[in-house]
Amino acid sequence: MLIDINNPGEVLKSKGFRENPNRPGSWGKYDGPNGRFREYWRVDKAEPGKLGWRGRDHVHHYNSKQHLDPNTLFDPDAPYPVT
């Protein structure tokens, strides 16, 4: 599923996700050990004039440090990866 980076809440809320109150653009669930927030999907908006990924809109899946193009598909029904 492609998530609209400008309006992710519409799709993600319908799948049970909540926005992280401490980090706008970070979406996840309170389903981790001890009921802690787990980030499933996050958008980082571009910072004008910055080089590399900081200068481009990009997303992260499952709290990963990997930078992904906003057109990267995300399966909101997939379980959180076991690490």
PDB file of N, CA and C in Angstrom:
ATOM      1  N   MET A   1       0.855  -1.168   0.000  1.00  0.00           N
ATOM      2  CA  MET A   1       0.000   0.000   0.000  1.00  0.00           C
ATOM      3  C   MET A   1       0.902   1.232   0.000  1.00  0.00           C
ATOM      4  N   LEU A   2       0.546   2.192  -0.807  1.00  0.00           N
ATOM      5  CA  LEU A   2       1.278   3.452  -0.859  1.00  0.00           C
ATOM      6  C   LEU A   2       0.625   4.415   0.131  1.00  0.00           C
ATOM      7  N   ILE A   3       1.428   4.993   1.027  1.00  0.00           N
ATOM      8  CA  ILE A   3       0.931   5.925   2.029  1.00  0.00           C
ATOM      9  C   ILE A   3       1.245   7.348   1.563  1.00  0.00           C
ATOM     10  N   ASP A   4       0.243   8.211   1.564  1.00  0.00           N
ATOM     11  CA  ASP A   4       0.415   9.624   1.178  1.00  0.00           C
ATOM     12  C   ASP A   4       1.206  10.324   2.275  1.00  0.00           C
ATOM     13  N   ILE A   5       2.415  10.792   1.971  1.00  0.00           N
ATOM     14  CA  ILE A   5       3.252  11.402   3.000  1.00  0.00           C
ATOM     15  C   ILE A   5       2.681  12.722   3.515  1.00  0.00           C
ATOM     16  N   ASN A   6       1.779  13.326   2.771  1.00  0.00           N
ATOM     17  CA  ASN A   6       1.187  14.593   3.209  1.00  0.00           C
ATOM     18  C   ASN A   6      -0.067  14.387   4.051  1.00  0.00           C
ATOM     19  N   ASN A   7      -0.625  13.173   4.034  1.00  0.00           N
ATOM     20  CA  ASN A   7      -1.826  12.886   4.806  1.00  0.00           C
ATOM     21  C   ASN A   7      -1.854  11.400   5.183  1.00  0.00           C
ATOM     22  N   PRO A   8      -0.862  10.954   5.969  1.00  0.00           N
ATOM     23  CA  PRO A   8      -0.802   9.520   6.277  1.00  0.00           C
ATOM     24  C   PRO A   8      -1.875   9.050   7.245  1.00  0.00           C
ATOM     25  N   GLY A   9      -2.404   9.942   8.057  1.00  0.00           N
ATOM     26  CA  GLY A   9      -3.351   9.551   9.097  1.00  0.00           C
ATOM     27  C   GLY A   9      -4.606   8.891   8.593  1.00  0.00           C
ATOM     28  N   GLU A  10      -5.085   9.302   7.439  1.00  0.00           N
ATOM     29  CA  GLU A  10      -6.336   8.753   6.907  1.00  0.00           C
ATOM     30  C   GLU A  10      -6.260   7.233   6.769  1.00  0.00           C
ATOM     31  N   VAL A  11      -5.191   6.742   6.189  1.00  0.00           N
ATOM     32  CA  VAL A  11      -5.032   5.297   5.985  1.00  0.00           C
ATOM     33  C   VAL A  11      -4.558   4.614   7.266  1.00  0.00           C
ATOM     34  N   LEU A  12      -3.566   5.188   7.915  1.00  0.00           N
ATOM     35  CA  LEU A  12      -2.965   4.521   9.064  1.00  0.00           C
ATOM     36  C   LEU A  12      -3.911   4.425  10.265  1.00  0.00           C
ATOM     37  N   LYS A  13      -4.699   5.443  10.511  1.00  0.00           N
ATOM     38  CA  LYS A  13      -5.658   5.381  11.626  1.00  0.00           C
ATOM     39  C   LYS A  13      -6.677   4.267  11.403  1.00  0.00           C
ATOM     40  N   SER A  14      -7.086   4.084  10.152  1.00  0.00           N
ATOM     41  CA  SER A  14      -8.073   3.040   9.864  1.00  0.00           C
ATOM     42  C   SER A  14      -7.509   1.642  10.104  1.00  0.00           C
ATOM     43  N   LYS A  15      -6.188   1.522  10.175  1.00  0.00           N
ATOM     44  CA  LYS A  15      -5.524   0.234  10.426  1.00  0.00           C
ATOM     45  C   LYS A  15      -5.077   0.095  11.878  1.00  0.00           C
ATOM     46  N   GLY A  16      -5.499   1.024  12.740  1.00  0.00           N
ATOM     47  CA  GLY A  16      -5.187   0.915  14.161  1.00  0.00           C
ATOM     48  C   GLY A  16      -3.919   1.611  14.599  1.00  0.00           C
ATOM     49  N   PHE A  17      -3.308   2.379  13.715  1.00  0.00           N
ATOM     50  CA  PHE A  17      -2.074   3.087  14.061  1.00  0.00           C
ATOM     51  C   PHE A  17      -2.409   4.418  14.720  1.00  0.00           C
ATOM     52  N   ARG A  18      -1.465   4.890  15.531  1.00  0.00           N
ATOM     53  CA  ARG A  18      -1.590   6.197  16.182  1.00  0.00           C
ATOM     54  C   ARG A  18      -0.321   6.986  15.924  1.00  0.00           C
ATOM     55  N   GLU A  19      -0.470   8.309  15.852  1.00  0.00           N
ATOM     56  CA  GLU A  19       0.722   9.144  15.671  1.00  0.00           C
ATOM     57  C   GLU A  19       1.457   9.250  17.003  1.00  0.00           C
ATOM     58  N   ASN A  20       2.761   9.147  16.945  1.00  0.00           N
ATOM     59  CA  ASN A  20       3.606   9.259  18.132  1.00  0.00           C
ATOM     60  C   ASN A  20       3.458  10.671  18.700  1.00  0.00           C
ATOM     61  N   PRO A  21       3.017  10.817  19.943  1.00  0.00           N
ATOM     62  CA  PRO A  21       2.841  12.158  20.508  1.00  0.00           C
ATOM     63  C   PRO A  21       4.159  12.894  20.700  1.00  0.00           C
ATOM     64  N   ASN A  22       5.269  12.166  20.653  1.00  0.00           N
ATOM     65  CA  ASN A  22       6.584  12.778  20.849  1.00  0.00           C
ATOM     66  C   ASN A  22       7.343  13.039  19.554  1.00  0.00           C
ATOM     67  N   ARG A  23       6.797  12.577  18.428  1.00  0.00           N
ATOM     68  CA  ARG A  23       7.501  12.751  17.145  1.00  0.00           C
ATOM     69  C   ARG A  23       6.484  12.830  16.010  1.00  0.00           C
ATOM     70  N   PRO A  24       6.114  14.031  15.588  1.00  0.00           N
ATOM     71  CA  PRO A  24       5.171  14.163  14.474  1.00  0.00           C
ATOM     72  C   PRO A  24       5.691  13.437  13.224  1.00  0.00           C
ATOM     73  N   GLY A  25       4.783  12.765  12.533  1.00  0.00           N
ATOM     74  CA  GLY A  25       5.151  12.025  11.331  1.00  0.00           C
ATOM     75  C   GLY A  25       5.507  10.581  11.601  1.00  0.00           C
ATOM     76  N   SER A  26       5.606  10.206  12.884  1.00  0.00           N
ATOM     77  CA  SER A  26       5.911   8.838  13.282  1.00  0.00           C
ATOM     78  C   SER A  26       4.610   8.141  13.655  1.00  0.00           C
ATOM     79  N   TRP A  27       4.357   6.992  13.036  1.00  0.00           N
ATOM     80  CA  TRP A  27       3.109   6.256  13.262  1.00  0.00           C
ATOM     81  C   TRP A  27       3.414   4.844  13.726  1.00  0.00           C
ATOM     82  N   GLY A  28       2.650   4.363  14.681  1.00  0.00           N
ATOM     83  CA  GLY A  28       2.869   3.020  15.184  1.00  0.00           C
ATOM     84  C   GLY A  28       1.737   2.562  16.067  1.00  0.00           C
ATOM     85  N   LYS A  29       2.056   1.598  16.916  1.00  0.00           N
ATOM     86  CA  LYS A  29       1.065   1.013  17.812  1.00  0.00           C
ATOM     87  C   LYS A  29       1.682   0.821  19.192  1.00  0.00           C
ATOM     88  N   TYR A  30       0.833   0.840  20.178  1.00  0.00           N
ATOM     89  CA  TYR A  30       1.254   0.536  21.539  1.00  0.00           C
ATOM     90  C   TYR A  30       1.085  -0.964  21.752  1.00  0.00           C
ATOM     91  N   ASP A  31       1.954  -1.732  21.090  1.00  0.00           N
ATOM     92  CA  ASP A  31       1.807  -3.180  21.166  1.00  0.00           C
ATOM     93  C   ASP A  31       3.109  -3.869  21.499  1.00  0.00           C
ATOM     94  N   GLY A  32       4.107  -3.106  21.849  1.00  0.00           N
ATOM     95  CA  GLY A  32       5.393  -3.702  22.178  1.00  0.00           C
ATOM     96  C   GLY A  32       5.404  -4.241  23.591  1.00  0.00           C
ATOM     97  N   PRO A  33       6.531  -4.764  24.009  1.00  0.00           N
ATOM     98  CA  PRO A  33       6.663  -5.228  25.389  1.00  0.00           C
ATOM     99  C   PRO A  33       6.321  -4.085  26.348  1.00  0.00           C
ATOM    100  N   ASN A  34       5.586  -4.376  27.376  1.00  0.00           N
ATOM    101  CA  ASN A  34       5.185  -3.381  28.382  1.00  0.00           C
ATOM    102  C   ASN A  34       4.296  -2.283  27.808  1.00  0.00           C
ATOM    103  N   GLY A  35       3.633  -2.515  26.669  1.00  0.00           N
ATOM    104  CA  GLY A  35       2.728  -1.528  26.089  1.00  0.00           C
ATOM    105  C   GLY A  35       3.424  -0.301  25.551  1.00  0.00           C
ATOM    106  N   ARG A  36       4.687  -0.415  25.197  1.00  0.00           N
ATOM    107  CA  ARG A  36       5.436   0.720  24.677  1.00  0.00           C
ATOM    108  C   ARG A  36       5.111   0.967  23.210  1.00  0.00           C
ATOM    109  N   PHE A  37       5.317   2.191  22.789  1.00  0.00           N
ATOM    110  CA  PHE A  37       5.053   2.582  21.407  1.00  0.00           C
ATOM    111  C   PHE A  37       6.100   1.964  20.489  1.00  0.00           C
ATOM    112  N   ARG A  38       5.635   1.329  19.425  1.00  0.00           N
ATOM    113  CA  ARG A  38       6.525   0.789  18.389  1.00  0.00           C
ATOM    114  C   ARG A  38       6.264   1.543  17.104  1.00  0.00           C
ATOM    115  N   GLU A  39       7.309   2.105  16.542  1.00  0.00           N
ATOM    116  CA  GLU A  39       7.171   2.833  15.285  1.00  0.00           C
ATOM    117  C   GLU A  39       7.151   1.856  14.118  1.00  0.00           C
ATOM    118  N   TYR A  40       6.105   1.969  13.298  1.00  0.00           N
ATOM    119  CA  TYR A  40       5.974   1.133  12.104  1.00  0.00           C
ATOM    120  C   TYR A  40       6.304   1.924  10.841  1.00  0.00           C
ATOM    121  N   TRP A  41       5.944   3.190  10.814  1.00  0.00           N
ATOM    122  CA  TRP A  41       6.102   4.009   9.599  1.00  0.00           C
ATOM    123  C   TRP A  41       6.383   5.450  10.015  1.00  0.00           C
ATOM    124  N   ARG A  42       7.370   6.086   9.362  1.00  0.00           N
ATOM    125  CA  ARG A  42       7.685   7.483   9.668  1.00  0.00           C
ATOM    126  C   ARG A  42       8.058   8.220   8.391  1.00  0.00           C
ATOM    127  N   VAL A  43       7.598   9.446   8.290  1.00  0.00           N
ATOM    128  CA  VAL A  43       8.002  10.312   7.183  1.00  0.00           C
ATOM    129  C   VAL A  43       8.918  11.393   7.736  1.00  0.00           C
ATOM    130  N   ASP A  44      10.005  11.637   7.024  1.00  0.00           N
ATOM    131  CA  ASP A  44      10.898  12.755   7.310  1.00  0.00           C
ATOM    132  C   ASP A  44      10.814  13.687   6.109  1.00  0.00           C
ATOM    133  N   LYS A  45      10.311  14.884   6.349  1.00  0.00           N
ATOM    134  CA  LYS A  45      10.162  15.861   5.273  1.00  0.00           C
ATOM    135  C   LYS A  45      11.520  16.495   4.969  1.00  0.00           C
ATOM    136  N   ALA A  46      11.715  16.850   3.712  1.00  0.00           N
ATOM    137  CA  ALA A  46      12.971  17.443   3.250  1.00  0.00           C
ATOM    138  C   ALA A  46      13.249  18.774   3.946  1.00  0.00           C
ATOM    139  N   GLU A  47      14.526  19.029   4.185  1.00  0.00           N
ATOM    140  CA  GLU A  47      14.982  20.314   4.707  1.00  0.00           C
ATOM    141  C   GLU A  47      15.609  21.062   3.528  1.00  0.00           C
ATOM    142  N   PRO A  48      14.986  22.147   3.077  1.00  0.00           N
ATOM    143  CA  PRO A  48      15.492  22.867   1.908  1.00  0.00           C
ATOM    144  C   PRO A  48      16.977  23.209   2.051  1.00  0.00           C
ATOM    145  N   GLY A  49      17.714  22.979   0.981  1.00  0.00           N
ATOM    146  CA  GLY A  49      19.128  23.307   0.944  1.00  0.00           C
ATOM    147  C   GLY A  49      20.049  22.230   1.476  1.00  0.00           C
ATOM    148  N   LYS A  50      19.497  21.184   2.071  1.00  0.00           N
ATOM    149  CA  LYS A  50      20.327  20.104   2.614  1.00  0.00           C
ATOM    150  C   LYS A  50      20.655  19.097   1.523  1.00  0.00           C
ATOM    151  N   LEU A  51      21.812  18.484   1.633  1.00  0.00           N
ATOM    152  CA  LEU A  51      22.239  17.471   0.670  1.00  0.00           C
ATOM    153  C   LEU A  51      21.794  16.083   1.138  1.00  0.00           C
ATOM    154  N   GLY A  52      21.813  15.145   0.221  1.00  0.00           N
ATOM    155  CA  GLY A  52      21.494  13.757   0.553  1.00  0.00           C
ATOM    156  C   GLY A  52      20.051  13.585   0.983  1.00  0.00           C
ATOM    157  N   TRP A  53      19.832  12.594   1.857  1.00  0.00           N
ATOM    158  CA  TRP A  53      18.472  12.269   2.280  1.00  0.00           C
ATOM    159  C   TRP A  53      17.823  13.383   3.083  1.00  0.00           C
ATOM    160  N   ARG A  54      18.600  14.206   3.768  1.00  0.00           N
ATOM    161  CA  ARG A  54      17.998  15.301   4.540  1.00  0.00           C
ATOM    162  C   ARG A  54      17.344  16.324   3.624  1.00  0.00           C
ATOM    163  N   GLY A  55      17.762  16.383   2.384  1.00  0.00           N
ATOM    164  CA  GLY A  55      17.183  17.303   1.420  1.00  0.00           C
ATOM    165  C   GLY A  55      16.053  16.708   0.597  1.00  0.00           C
ATOM    166  N   ARG A  56      15.684  15.459   0.892  1.00  0.00           N
ATOM    167  CA  ARG A  56      14.611  14.766   0.157  1.00  0.00           C
ATOM    168  C   ARG A  56      13.578  14.237   1.136  1.00  0.00           C
ATOM    169  N   ASP A  57      12.303  14.311   0.753  1.00  0.00           N
ATOM    170  CA  ASP A  57      11.279  13.626   1.527  1.00  0.00           C
ATOM    171  C   ASP A  57      11.596  12.133   1.477  1.00  0.00           C
ATOM    172  N   HIS A  58      11.483  11.455   2.603  1.00  0.00           N
ATOM    173  CA  HIS A  58      11.719  10.018   2.633  1.00  0.00           C
ATOM    174  C   HIS A  58      10.967   9.400   3.806  1.00  0.00           C
ATOM    175  N   VAL A  59      10.886   8.077   3.794  1.00  0.00           N
ATOM    176  CA  VAL A  59      10.181   7.351   4.845  1.00  0.00           C
ATOM    177  C   VAL A  59      11.096   6.297   5.457  1.00  0.00           C
ATOM    178  N   HIS A  60      10.695   5.835   6.627  1.00  0.00           N
ATOM    179  CA  HIS A  60      11.354   4.730   7.321  1.00  0.00           C
ATOM    180  C   HIS A  60      10.262   3.730   7.701  1.00  0.00           C
ATOM    181  N   HIS A  61      10.569   2.455   7.582  1.00  0.00           N
ATOM    182  CA  HIS A  61       9.637   1.406   7.997  1.00  0.00           C
ATOM    183  C   HIS A  61      10.204   0.681   9.205  1.00  0.00           C
ATOM    184  N   TYR A  62       9.371   0.396  10.185  1.00  0.00           N
ATOM    185  CA  TYR A  62       9.708  -0.410  11.349  1.00  0.00           C
ATOM    186  C   TYR A  62      10.920   0.121  12.120  1.00  0.00           C
ATOM    187  N   ASN A  63      10.953   1.434  12.337  1.00  0.00           N
ATOM    188  CA  ASN A  63      11.992   2.085  13.130  1.00  0.00           C
ATOM    189  C   ASN A  63      13.398   1.848  12.565  1.00  0.00           C
ATOM    190  N   SER A  64      13.485   1.567  11.290  1.00  0.00           N
ATOM    191  CA  SER A  64      14.764   1.305  10.630  1.00  0.00           C
ATOM    192  C   SER A  64      15.487   2.611  10.324  1.00  0.00           C
ATOM    193  N   LYS A  65      16.801   2.535  10.262  1.00  0.00           N
ATOM    194  CA  LYS A  65      17.600   3.696   9.862  1.00  0.00           C
ATOM    195  C   LYS A  65      17.657   3.818   8.338  1.00  0.00           C
ATOM    196  N   GLN A  66      17.166   2.792   7.624  1.00  0.00           N
ATOM    197  CA  GLN A  66      17.187   2.794   6.166  1.00  0.00           C
ATOM    198  C   GLN A  66      16.250   3.867   5.620  1.00  0.00           C
ATOM    199  N   HIS A  67      16.776   4.685   4.706  1.00  0.00           N
ATOM    200  CA  HIS A  67      15.991   5.737   4.054  1.00  0.00           C
ATOM    201  C   HIS A  67      15.330   5.149   2.818  1.00  0.00           C
ATOM    202  N   LEU A  68      14.023   5.361   2.703  1.00  0.00           N
ATOM    203  CA  LEU A  68      13.269   4.811   1.585  1.00  0.00           C
ATOM    204  C   LEU A  68      12.547   5.917   0.831  1.00  0.00           C
ATOM    205  N   ASP A  69      12.429   5.731  -0.467  1.00  0.00           N
ATOM    206  CA  ASP A  69      11.669   6.651  -1.294  1.00  0.00           C
ATOM    207  C   ASP A  69      10.214   6.666  -0.809  1.00  0.00           C
ATOM    208  N   PRO A  70       9.550   7.826  -0.831  1.00  0.00           N
ATOM    209  CA  PRO A  70       8.151   7.883  -0.383  1.00  0.00           C
ATOM    210  C   PRO A  70       7.209   6.954  -1.159  1.00  0.00           C
ATOM    211  N   ASN A  71       7.608   6.521  -2.346  1.00  0.00           N
ATOM    212  CA  ASN A  71       6.770   5.618  -3.137  1.00  0.00           C
ATOM    213  C   ASN A  71       6.985   4.144  -2.788  1.00  0.00           C
ATOM    214  N   THR A  72       7.765   3.872  -1.737  1.00  0.00           N
ATOM    215  CA  THR A  72       7.980   2.504  -1.291  1.00  0.00           C
ATOM    216  C   THR A  72       6.694   1.979  -0.655  1.00  0.00           C
ATOM    217  N   LEU A  73       6.262   0.821  -1.098  1.00  0.00           N
ATOM    218  CA  LEU A  73       5.027   0.242  -0.574  1.00  0.00           C
ATOM    219  C   LEU A  73       5.200  -0.186   0.886  1.00  0.00           C
ATOM    220  N   PHE A  74       4.124  -0.057   1.648  1.00  0.00           N
ATOM    221  CA  PHE A  74       4.103  -0.434   3.057  1.00  0.00           C
ATOM    222  C   PHE A  74       2.867  -1.280   3.303  1.00  0.00           C
ATOM    223  N   ASP A  75       3.036  -2.419   3.969  1.00  0.00           N
ATOM    224  CA  ASP A  75       1.917  -3.294   4.280  1.00  0.00           C
ATOM    225  C   ASP A  75       1.493  -3.054   5.730  1.00  0.00           C
ATOM    226  N   PRO A  76       0.443  -2.277   5.963  1.00  0.00           N
ATOM    227  CA  PRO A  76       0.026  -1.979   7.334  1.00  0.00           C
ATOM    228  C   PRO A  76      -0.541  -3.180   8.083  1.00  0.00           C
ATOM    229  N   ASP A  77      -0.796  -4.271   7.387  1.00  0.00           N
ATOM    230  CA  ASP A  77      -1.324  -5.465   8.038  1.00  0.00           C
ATOM    231  C   ASP A  77      -0.236  -6.461   8.421  1.00  0.00           C
ATOM    232  N   ALA A  78       0.999  -6.179   8.028  1.00  0.00           N
ATOM    233  CA  ALA A  78       2.097  -7.090   8.333  1.00  0.00           C
ATOM    234  C   ALA A  78       2.479  -6.989   9.816  1.00  0.00           C
ATOM    235  N   PRO A  79       2.889  -8.093  10.419  1.00  0.00           N
ATOM    236  CA  PRO A  79       3.320  -8.022  11.817  1.00  0.00           C
ATOM    237  C   PRO A  79       4.654  -7.287  11.934  1.00  0.00           C
ATOM    238  N   TYR A  80       4.906  -6.739  13.111  1.00  0.00           N
ATOM    239  CA  TYR A  80       6.183  -6.071  13.352  1.00  0.00           C
ATOM    240  C   TYR A  80       7.297  -7.107  13.234  1.00  0.00           C
ATOM    241  N   PRO A  81       8.373  -6.791  12.487  1.00  0.00           N
ATOM    242  CA  PRO A  81       9.446  -7.782  12.314  1.00  0.00           C
ATOM    243  C   PRO A  81      10.105  -8.166  13.643  1.00  0.00           C
ATOM    244  N   VAL A  82      10.416  -9.412  13.783  1.00  0.00           N
ATOM    245  CA  VAL A  82      11.120  -9.903  14.976  1.00  0.00           C
ATOM    246  C   VAL A  82      12.604  -9.700  14.731  1.00  0.00           C
ATOM    247  N   THR A  83      13.258  -9.060  15.684  1.00  0.00           N
ATOM    248  CA  THR A  83      14.711  -8.848  15.526  1.00  0.00           C
ATOM    249  C   THR A  83      15.496  -9.561  16.595  1.00  0.00           C
TER     250      THR A  83
END
